């Protein structure tokens, strides 16, 4: 029992991706069923549903990308204004900005907030690898789902291999001869 739990724990990522593929295949099959009832052949129905899903997700990412860039630009503008306002308030209180030879507007920047550029690049590379890993996992789940949709008999084979029924296990036990001492 402990070995089984340890094995499932170690393989949790792969099992979750397989489950995600099975779930996505079931969703695609459910969305394609009305098209099949309307008279389309199975392959065409699945193709239309898959293309529609890719277009919907791609459009959402495209629109979301523009929105995200716009919001980042607004955030950057707000941050810059707030830093300039903070510098003015500090000057009014008699506190000089760091290395006070120039004007306060020229002194305030992102470099005063983030003194260690290597930390920025380290965080950016970690974020990039995390995004690439996530995209790889999504690709694997979509590939599993498309494979299961194309070959519907494989869903039963996978589920029966992972979760054998009680009658199958009972017949297997009966077929093994017992040794008598």
Protein backbone atom coordinates (compact mmCIF):
# COMPACT_ATOMS: atom_id res chain seq x y z
CA UNK A 1 0.00 0.00 0.00
CA UNK A 2 2.81 2.43 0.88
CA UNK A 3 4.63 1.65 -2.36
CA UNK A 4 1.46 2.36 -4.35
CA UNK A 5 0.96 5.69 -2.62
CA UNK A 6 4.61 6.60 -3.25
CA UNK A 7 4.30 5.62 -6.92
CA UNK A 8 1.12 7.66 -7.37
CA UNK A 9 2.76 10.61 -5.58
CA UNK A 10 5.81 10.43 -7.85
CA UNK A 11 3.70 10.11 -11.00
CA UNK A 12 1.11 12.72 -9.98
CA UNK A 13 2.11 15.19 -12.70
CA UNK A 14 1.84 12.63 -15.47
CA UNK A 15 -1.41 11.24 -14.09
CA UNK A 16 -2.91 14.72 -13.93
CA UNK A 17 -1.90 15.37 -17.55
CA UNK A 18 -3.51 12.08 -18.63
CA UNK A 19 -6.64 12.96 -16.67
CA UNK A 20 -6.65 16.43 -18.27
CA UNK A 21 -6.39 14.81 -21.70
CA UNK A 22 -9.27 12.47 -20.90
CA UNK A 23 -11.36 15.37 -19.65
CA UNK A 24 -10.60 17.51 -22.70
CA UNK A 25 -11.42 14.57 -24.99
CA UNK A 26 -14.77 14.15 -23.23
CA UNK A 27 -15.49 17.87 -23.65
CA UNK A 28 -14.61 17.77 -27.35
CA UNK A 29 -16.78 14.67 -27.83
CA UNK A 30 -19.69 16.35 -26.03
CA UNK A 31 -19.37 19.47 -28.18
CA UNK A 32 -19.16 17.41 -31.38
CA UNK A 33 -22.19 15.23 -30.61
CA UNK A 34 -24.81 17.85 -31.72
CA UNK A 35 -22.92 18.28 -34.99
CA UNK A 36 -23.05 14.53 -35.52
CA UNK A 37 -26.79 14.52 -34.81
CA UNK A 38 -27.13 17.28 -37.43
CA UNK A 39 -25.72 14.88 -40.01
CA UNK A 40 -22.00 15.63 -40.09
CA UNK A 41 -19.63 12.72 -40.11
CA UNK A 42 -17.64 12.08 -36.95
CA UNK A 43 -14.30 13.31 -38.30
CA UNK A 44 -15.74 16.56 -39.64
CA UNK A 45 -17.61 17.24 -36.39
CA UNK A 46 -14.48 16.76 -34.29
CA UNK A 47 -12.43 18.84 -36.71
CA UNK A 48 -14.88 21.73 -36.56
CA UNK A 49 -15.00 21.62 -32.75
CA UNK A 50 -11.19 21.49 -32.42
CA UNK A 51 -10.69 24.38 -34.87
CA UNK A 52 -13.40 26.40 -33.08
CA UNK A 53 -11.76 25.77 -29.69
CA UNK A 54 -8.32 26.78 -31.01
CA UNK A 55 -9.74 29.96 -32.55
CA UNK A 56 -11.64 30.83 -29.36
CA UNK A 57 -8.61 30.29 -27.13
CA UNK A 58 -6.28 32.05 -29.60
CA UNK A 59 -8.65 35.02 -29.85
CA UNK A 60 -8.88 35.23 -26.08
CA UNK A 61 -5.10 35.19 -25.75
CA UNK A 62 -4.75 37.75 -28.55
CA UNK A 63 -7.25 40.13 -26.96
CA UNK A 64 -5.89 39.43 -23.49
CA UNK A 65 -2.35 40.13 -24.72
CA UNK A 66 -3.32 43.60 -25.94
CA UNK A 67 -5.16 44.28 -22.70
CA UNK A 68 -2.20 43.06 -20.65
CA UNK A 69 0.26 45.29 -22.52
CA UNK A 70 -2.08 48.27 -22.14
CA UNK A 71 -2.47 47.66 -18.42
CA UNK A 72 1.29 47.29 -17.98
CA UNK A 73 1.84 50.62 -19.74
CA UNK A 74 -0.75 52.26 -17.48
CA UNK A 75 0.94 50.74 -14.41
CA UNK A 76 4.35 51.98 -15.57
CA UNK A 77 2.96 55.48 -16.11
CA UNK A 78 1.29 55.50 -12.68
CA UNK A 79 4.45 54.21 -11.01
CA UNK A 80 6.55 56.90 -12.67
CA UNK A 81 4.10 59.65 -11.60
CA UNK A 82 4.01 58.37 -8.02
CA UNK A 83 7.80 58.22 -7.80
CA UNK A 84 8.09 61.78 -9.11
CA UNK A 85 5.46 62.92 -6.60
CA UNK A 86 7.37 61.16 -3.81
CA UNK A 87 10.60 62.90 -4.87
CA UNK A 88 8.86 66.30 -4.87
CA UNK A 89 7.37 65.64 -1.42
CA UNK A 90 10.78 64.61 -0.08
CA UNK A 91 12.36 67.75 -1.53
CA UNK A 92 9.65 69.91 0.07
CA UNK A 93 10.37 68.27 3.42
CA UNK A 94 14.06 69.07 3.03
CA UNK A 95 15.25 65.56 2.19
CA UNK A 96 17.57 65.51 -0.80
CA UNK A 97 17.21 62.76 -3.43
CA UNK A 98 20.05 60.22 -3.64
CA UNK A 99 23.27 61.65 -5.17
CA UNK A 100 21.66 65.10 -5.22
CA UNK A 101 23.63 66.84 -7.98
CA UNK A 102 20.80 66.84 -10.55
CA UNK A 103 17.14 67.58 -10.66
CA UNK A 104 14.76 65.21 -8.84
CA UNK A 105 12.86 64.29 -12.04
CA UNK A 106 16.06 62.92 -13.60
CA UNK A 107 17.02 60.95 -10.49
CA UNK A 108 13.86 58.89 -10.05
CA UNK A 109 13.68 55.73 -12.08
CA UNK A 110 13.33 52.01 -11.94
CA UNK A 111 17.00 51.62 -11.01
CA UNK A 112 16.31 53.24 -7.62
CA UNK A 113 13.69 50.58 -6.89
CA UNK A 114 15.62 47.57 -8.23
CA UNK A 115 19.30 47.98 -7.41
CA UNK A 116 20.37 44.47 -8.49
CA UNK A 117 19.88 43.88 -12.25
CA UNK A 118 20.99 40.24 -11.98
CA UNK A 119 18.00 39.57 -9.75
CA UNK A 120 15.68 40.92 -12.43
CA UNK A 121 17.16 38.68 -15.12
CA UNK A 122 17.09 35.69 -12.79
CA UNK A 123 13.40 36.26 -12.09
CA UNK A 124 12.67 36.82 -15.77
CA UNK A 125 14.40 33.60 -16.77
CA UNK A 126 12.52 31.67 -14.08
CA UNK A 127 9.24 33.14 -15.33
CA UNK A 128 10.13 32.30 -18.93
CA UNK A 129 10.98 28.68 -18.10
CA UNK A 130 7.81 28.38 -16.04
CA UNK A 131 5.71 29.66 -18.95
CA UNK A 132 7.48 27.33 -21.39
CA UNK A 133 6.94 24.37 -19.06
CA UNK A 134 3.27 25.21 -18.74
CA UNK A 135 2.91 25.53 -22.51
CA UNK A 136 4.61 22.15 -22.90
CA UNK A 137 2.18 20.56 -20.46
CA UNK A 138 -0.78 22.14 -22.26
CA UNK A 139 0.56 20.81 -25.58
CA UNK A 140 0.81 17.30 -24.12
CA UNK A 141 -2.74 17.44 -22.70
CA UNK A 142 -4.14 18.68 -26.04
CA UNK A 143 -2.20 15.97 -27.91
CA UNK A 144 -3.58 13.27 -25.59
CA UNK A 145 -7.12 14.64 -26.04
CA UNK A 146 -6.86 14.73 -29.84
CA UNK A 147 -5.42 11.22 -29.86
CA UNK A 148 -8.27 9.93 -27.71
CA UNK A 149 -10.85 11.70 -29.89
CA UNK A 150 -9.38 10.24 -33.07
CA UNK A 151 -9.21 6.72 -31.61
CA UNK A 152 -12.23 6.38 -29.32
CA UNK A 153 -11.49 2.74 -28.46
CA UNK A 154 -8.30 3.82 -26.75
CA UNK A 155 -10.28 5.52 -23.97
CA UNK A 156 -11.71 2.16 -22.90
CA UNK A 157 -8.31 0.50 -23.17
CA UNK A 158 -6.66 3.17 -21.02
CA UNK A 159 -9.39 3.14 -18.40
CA UNK A 160 -9.53 -0.68 -18.20
CA UNK A 161 -5.74 -0.85 -17.91
CA UNK A 162 -5.71 1.72 -15.12
CA UNK A 163 -8.84 0.55 -13.32
CA UNK A 164 -9.60 -3.14 -13.90
CA UNK A 165 -13.14 -4.22 -13.10
CA UNK A 166 -13.89 -6.58 -10.23
CA UNK A 167 -15.13 -9.32 -12.54
CA UNK A 168 -11.91 -9.22 -14.57
CA UNK A 169 -9.75 -9.44 -11.46
CA UNK A 170 -11.90 -12.27 -10.06
CA UNK A 171 -11.58 -14.29 -13.27
CA UNK A 172 -7.83 -13.72 -13.25
CA UNK A 173 -7.60 -15.03 -9.70
CA UNK A 174 -9.61 -18.14 -10.57
CA UNK A 175 -7.44 -18.96 -13.57
CA UNK A 176 -4.24 -19.04 -11.50
CA UNK A 177 -3.85 -22.55 -10.03
CA UNK A 178 -3.19 -22.77 -6.32
CA UNK A 179 -0.22 -24.69 -5.06
CA UNK A 180 -0.88 -27.20 -2.33
CA UNK A 181 1.75 -28.17 0.16
